[in-house]
Each structure stands twice: as C-alpha cells, then as structure tokens.
C-alpha cells in the first residue's frame, strides 16, 4: 500500500481523493479498493504496476475484509 497506493492516496489533499495512509482510511473503503484492484483499474496505467505477487497478496488481504495485520 505504501509503495503503490500512498503516492496518490495520502496527505491533506490526496490526488486519489481518499487517504490510505492509515488502516482506518483504507479499511473504510475496502470494497472500493477491492473492486478497483481486482478490475485492474488501480493503480492507473501511468503509475508503476504491482507485481503479480503483490496484486495477489493485496487481493487476498482485501477479500478477507482487510484484517488489521
């Protein structure tokens, strides 16, 4: 999340609208994040894409309702 999401989803006025620098910030939008990552809509095409292993790990975490671990 820090490497792939935080560049756009952090700070007082995040480019990506939502701030994902905290667990609560990300967990409050878990279904949105899950749908965007699963549909390969995030990160955007002009951003560095996650590896297949990174994408699989993030999806597995989100499918489990984003446990705080």
Protein backbone atom coordinates (compact mmCIF):
# COMPACT_ATOMS: atom_id res chain seq x y z
CA UNK A 1 0.00 0.00 0.00
CA UNK A 2 2.78 2.43 0.87
CA UNK A 3 4.59 1.81 -2.40
CA UNK A 4 1.67 1.54 -4.83
CA UNK A 5 -1.19 3.49 -3.22
CA UNK A 6 0.26 6.16 -0.94
CA UNK A 7 1.83 8.30 -3.67
CA UNK A 8 -1.67 9.36 -4.76
CA UNK A 9 -3.72 8.41 -1.69
CA UNK A 10 -2.01 10.35 1.10
CA UNK A 11 -1.68 13.81 2.58
CA UNK A 12 -4.15 16.58 3.33
CA UNK A 13 -5.43 16.74 -0.26
CA UNK A 14 -4.72 13.37 -1.86
CA UNK A 15 -4.83 13.23 -5.66
CA UNK A 16 -6.79 10.00 -5.39
CA UNK A 17 -9.48 11.61 -3.17
CA UNK A 18 -9.12 9.06 -0.35
CA UNK A 19 -6.28 8.94 2.17
CA UNK A 20 -4.96 5.39 2.57
CA UNK A 21 -2.04 6.15 4.89
CA UNK A 22 -3.82 4.62 7.88
CA UNK A 23 -5.52 1.28 8.35
CA UNK A 24 -8.81 3.05 9.13
CA UNK A 25 -8.58 5.14 5.97
CA UNK A 26 -8.09 2.08 3.79
CA UNK A 27 -10.49 -0.19 5.67
CA UNK A 28 -13.29 2.38 5.41
CA UNK A 29 -13.16 1.96 1.63
CA UNK A 30 -12.18 -1.69 1.44
CA UNK A 31 -14.86 -2.72 -1.08
CA UNK A 32 -13.99 0.20 -3.37
CA UNK A 33 -10.30 -0.66 -3.19
CA UNK A 34 -11.03 -4.36 -3.76
CA UNK A 35 -13.10 -3.61 -6.85
CA UNK A 36 -10.53 -1.20 -8.28
CA UNK A 37 -7.59 -3.54 -7.73
CA UNK A 38 -9.47 -6.66 -8.85
CA UNK A 39 -10.64 -4.89 -12.02
CA UNK A 40 -7.06 -3.75 -12.74
CA UNK A 41 -8.19 -0.10 -12.60
CA UNK A 42 -5.74 0.74 -9.84
CA UNK A 43 -3.08 1.78 -9.92
CA UNK A 44 -3.71 3.86 -13.06
CA UNK A 45 -1.87 2.98 -16.26
CA UNK A 46 0.66 5.79 -15.81
CA UNK A 47 1.71 4.52 -12.36
CA UNK A 48 4.03 1.65 -11.52
CA UNK A 49 2.04 -1.57 -11.59
CA UNK A 50 2.30 -4.07 -8.75
CA UNK A 51 3.90 -7.41 -9.44
CA UNK A 52 1.60 -10.40 -9.78
CA UNK A 53 2.60 -11.48 -6.26
CA UNK A 54 1.90 -8.00 -4.82
CA UNK A 55 -1.51 -7.86 -6.52
CA UNK A 56 -2.39 -11.37 -5.28
CA UNK A 57 -1.34 -10.53 -1.71
CA UNK A 58 -3.35 -7.29 -1.69
CA UNK A 59 -6.41 -9.01 -3.14
CA UNK A 60 -6.17 -11.84 -0.61
CA UNK A 61 -5.93 -9.29 2.20
CA UNK A 62 -8.92 -7.33 0.90
CA UNK A 63 -11.03 -10.45 0.31
CA UNK A 64 -10.53 -11.30 3.99
CA UNK A 65 -12.17 -7.94 4.80
CA UNK A 66 -8.84 -6.17 5.24
CA UNK A 67 -7.79 -7.50 8.66
CA UNK A 68 -5.56 -5.16 10.63
CA UNK A 69 -2.40 -7.22 10.36
